[in-house]
Amino acid sequence: MASDAQFVAFVLEQMEAAGAVRARKMFGEYGVYCDEKIVGLICDDRLYIKPTEAGRSYIGEVEEAPPYPGAKNYFVVGDRLEDADWLVGLIRVSLKELPAPKPKKKRK
């Protein structure tokens, strides 16, 4: 089941104070970016955040699950999605540990 565009817009609205946020359609679902780093995925109308040690400490009791079959576990943002301040805090602490995007190679 593909994620609803309204749900994606809601997630981005909740995260907007964390930095420059955007979603990119990927394989029928969405990659979520903040300051050009991929911070998570939206799959089946659920937000999954890339796991980091800082994120784990921030969340406390973490629910983890793969966003799609065969994927590694991500942090699942459930009921806390409604709390924009909490979500922004999670994104900010996670960003510090996530790698910078790799430069794209120019096509010849």
C-alpha atoms as a PDB file:
ATOM      1  CA  MET A   1       0.000   0.000   0.000  1.00  0.00           C
ATOM      2  CA  ALA A   2       1.516   3.327  -1.051  1.00  0.00           C
ATOM      3  CA  SER A   3       1.602   6.223   1.379  1.00  0.00           C
ATOM      4  CA  ASP A   4      -0.977   8.988   1.081  1.00  0.00           C
ATOM      5  CA  ALA A   5       0.300  12.367  -0.160  1.00  0.00           C
ATOM      6  CA  GLN A   6      -1.609  14.126   2.647  1.00  0.00           C
ATOM      7  CA  PHE A   7       0.214  12.005   5.246  1.00  0.00           C
ATOM      8  CA  VAL A   8       3.566  12.890   3.655  1.00  0.00           C
ATOM      9  CA  ALA A   9       2.662  16.594   3.721  1.00  0.00           C
ATOM     10  CA  PHE A  10       1.655  16.307   7.401  1.00  0.00           C
ATOM     11  CA  VAL A  11       4.975  14.656   8.326  1.00  0.00           C
ATOM     12  CA  LEU A  12       6.954  17.357   6.527  1.00  0.00           C
ATOM     13  CA  GLU A  13       4.922  20.057   8.263  1.00  0.00           C
ATOM     14  CA  GLN A  14       5.659  18.468  11.647  1.00  0.00           C
ATOM     15  CA  MET A  15       9.394  18.391  10.833  1.00  0.00           C
ATOM     16  CA  GLU A  16       9.796  21.806   9.200  1.00  0.00           C
ATOM     17  CA  ALA A  17      11.522  23.465  12.180  1.00  0.00           C
ATOM     18  CA  ALA A  18      14.375  20.908  11.967  1.00  0.00           C
ATOM     19  CA  GLY A  19      15.774  22.398   8.759  1.00  0.00           C
ATOM     20  CA  ALA A  20      15.186  22.196   5.027  1.00  0.00           C
ATOM     21  CA  VAL A  21      12.865  19.175   4.798  1.00  0.00           C
ATOM     22  CA  ARG A  22      11.550  17.460   1.704  1.00  0.00           C
ATOM     23  CA  ALA A  23      10.273  14.096   0.581  1.00  0.00           C
ATOM     24  CA  ARG A  24      11.260  12.287  -2.584  1.00  0.00           C
ATOM     25  CA  LYS A  25       9.184   9.555  -4.138  1.00  0.00           C
ATOM     26  CA  MET A  26      11.149   6.316  -4.179  1.00  0.00           C
ATOM     27  CA  PHE A  27       9.794   2.959  -5.363  1.00  0.00           C
ATOM     28  CA  GLY A  28       6.205   3.948  -4.613  1.00  0.00           C
ATOM     29  CA  GLU A  29       7.033   5.274  -1.134  1.00  0.00           C
ATOM     30  CA  TYR A  30       9.023   8.283   0.093  1.00  0.00           C
ATOM     31  CA  GLY A  31      12.513   9.122   1.285  1.00  0.00           C
ATOM     32  CA  VAL A  32      12.576  11.947   3.858  1.00  0.00           C
ATOM     33  CA  TYR A  33      15.425  14.443   3.733  1.00  0.00           C
ATOM     34  CA  CYS A  34      16.537  17.185   6.097  1.00  0.00           C
ATOM     35  CA  ASP A  35      19.331  19.525   5.067  1.00  0.00           C
ATOM     36  CA  GLU A  36      19.939  17.166   2.104  1.00  0.00           C
ATOM     37  CA  LYS A  37      20.650  14.154   4.355  1.00  0.00           C
ATOM     38  CA  ILE A  38      18.236  11.244   4.186  1.00  0.00           C
ATOM     39  CA  VAL A  39      16.825  10.901   7.700  1.00  0.00           C
ATOM     40  CA  GLY A  40      14.071   8.385   7.146  1.00  0.00           C
ATOM     41  CA  LEU A  41      11.392   6.797   5.057  1.00  0.00           C
ATOM     42  CA  ILE A  42       7.626   6.982   4.837  1.00  0.00           C
ATOM     43  CA  CYS A  43       6.176   3.590   3.980  1.00  0.00           C
ATOM     44  CA  ASP A  44       2.543   2.512   4.318  1.00  0.00           C
ATOM     45  CA  ASP A  45       1.686   5.804   6.072  1.00  0.00           C
ATOM     46  CA  ARG A  46       4.263   5.235   8.817  1.00  0.00           C
ATOM     47  CA  LEU A  47       7.378   7.304   9.514  1.00  0.00           C
ATOM     48  CA  TYR A  48      10.641   5.404   9.943  1.00  0.00           C
ATOM     49  CA  ILE A  49      13.763   7.253  11.126  1.00  0.00           C
ATOM     50  CA  LYS A  50      17.283   6.015  10.394  1.00  0.00           C
ATOM     51  CA  PRO A  51      18.752   4.554  13.574  1.00  0.00           C
ATOM     52  CA  THR A  52      21.535   6.444  15.374  1.00  0.00           C
ATOM     53  CA  GLU A  53      22.909   6.172  18.905  1.00  0.00           C
ATOM     54  CA  ALA A  54      21.845   9.759  19.654  1.00  0.00           C
ATOM     55  CA  GLY A  55      18.347   9.001  18.358  1.00  0.00           C
ATOM     56  CA  ARG A  56      18.142   5.876  20.507  1.00  0.00           C
ATOM     57  CA  SER A  57      19.116   7.871  23.610  1.00  0.00           C
ATOM     58  CA  TYR A  58      16.640  10.624  22.741  1.00  0.00           C
ATOM     59  CA  ILE A  59      13.715   8.250  22.228  1.00  0.00           C
ATOM     60  CA  GLY A  60      14.351   5.992  25.204  1.00  0.00           C
ATOM     61  CA  GLU A  61      12.166   2.943  24.645  1.00  0.00           C
ATOM     62  CA  VAL A  62      12.503   2.425  20.902  1.00  0.00           C
ATOM     63  CA  GLU A  63      10.156   0.531  18.594  1.00  0.00           C
ATOM     64  CA  GLU A  64      12.114  -0.814  15.632  1.00  0.00           C
ATOM     65  CA  ALA A  65      10.878  -2.438  12.445  1.00  0.00           C
ATOM     66  CA  PRO A  66      11.912  -2.713   8.805  1.00  0.00           C
ATOM     67  CA  PRO A  67      10.086  -0.200   6.572  1.00  0.00           C
ATOM     68  CA  TYR A  68       9.808  -2.789   3.791  1.00  0.00           C
ATOM     69  CA  PRO A  69      10.595  -6.505   3.435  1.00  0.00           C
ATOM     70  CA  GLY A  70      14.330  -7.177   3.492  1.00  0.00           C
ATOM     71  CA  ALA A  71      15.266  -3.786   4.968  1.00  0.00           C
ATOM     72  CA  LYS A  72      17.236  -3.188   8.149  1.00  0.00           C
ATOM     73  CA  ASN A  73      15.329  -1.990  11.205  1.00  0.00           C
ATOM     74  CA  TYR A  74      14.537   1.700  11.510  1.00  0.00           C
ATOM     75  CA  PHE A  75      13.022   3.595  14.444  1.00  0.00           C
ATOM     76  CA  VAL A  76       9.230   3.680  14.113  1.00  0.00           C
ATOM     77  CA  VAL A  77       7.610   6.994  15.005  1.00  0.00           C
ATOM     78  CA  GLY A  78       4.129   6.107  16.195  1.00  0.00           C
ATOM     79  CA  ASP A  79       1.966   8.251  18.454  1.00  0.00           C
ATOM     80  CA  ARG A  80       4.749  10.817  18.930  1.00  0.00           C
ATOM     81  CA  LEU A  81       4.278  11.992  15.346  1.00  0.00           C
ATOM     82  CA  GLU A  82       1.674  14.456  16.634  1.00  0.00           C
ATOM     83  CA  ASP A  83       4.332  16.112  18.876  1.00  0.00           C
ATOM     84  CA  ALA A  84       6.210  18.368  16.453  1.00  0.00           C
ATOM     85  CA  ASP A  85       8.702  19.609  19.074  1.00  0.00           C
ATOM     86  CA  TRP A  86       9.656  16.040  19.978  1.00  0.00           C
ATOM     87  CA  LEU A  87       9.979  15.026  16.324  1.00  0.00           C
ATOM     88  CA  VAL A  88      12.137  18.057  15.494  1.00  0.00           C
ATOM     89  CA  GLY A  89      14.397  17.179  18.439  1.00  0.00           C
ATOM     90  CA  LEU A  90      14.752  13.603  17.175  1.00  0.00           C
ATOM     91  CA  ILE A  91      15.629  14.793  13.670  1.00  0.00           C
ATOM     92  CA  ARG A  92      18.196  17.296  14.960  1.00  0.00           C
ATOM     93  CA  VAL A  93      20.054  14.785  17.170  1.00  0.00           C
ATOM     94  CA  SER A  94      19.958  12.154  14.417  1.00  0.00           C
ATOM     95  CA  LEU A  95      21.300  14.537  11.754  1.00  0.00           C
ATOM     96  CA  LYS A  96      24.564  14.950  13.660  1.00  0.00           C
ATOM     97  CA  GLU A  97      25.383  11.248  13.200  1.00  0.00           C
ATOM     98  CA  LEU A  98      24.105  10.729   9.672  1.00  0.00           C
ATOM     99  CA  PRO A  99      26.622  10.886   6.812  1.00  0.00           C
ATOM    100  CA  ALA A 100      26.669  13.732   4.331  1.00  0.00           C
ATOM    101  CA  PRO A 101      25.249  12.845   0.927  1.00  0.00           C
ATOM    102  CA  LYS A 102      27.748  11.471  -1.566  1.00  0.00           C
ATOM    103  CA  PRO A 103      28.514  13.854  -4.423  1.00  0.00           C
ATOM    104  CA  LYS A 104      26.807  12.835  -7.623  1.00  0.00           C
ATOM    105  CA  LYS A 105      29.026  11.868 -10.546  1.00  0.00           C
ATOM    106  CA  LYS A 106      28.555  13.942 -13.682  1.00  0.00           C
ATOM    107  CA  ARG A 107      27.207  12.096 -16.682  1.00  0.00           C
ATOM    108  CA  LYS A 108      29.364  12.087 -19.775  1.00  0.00           C
END
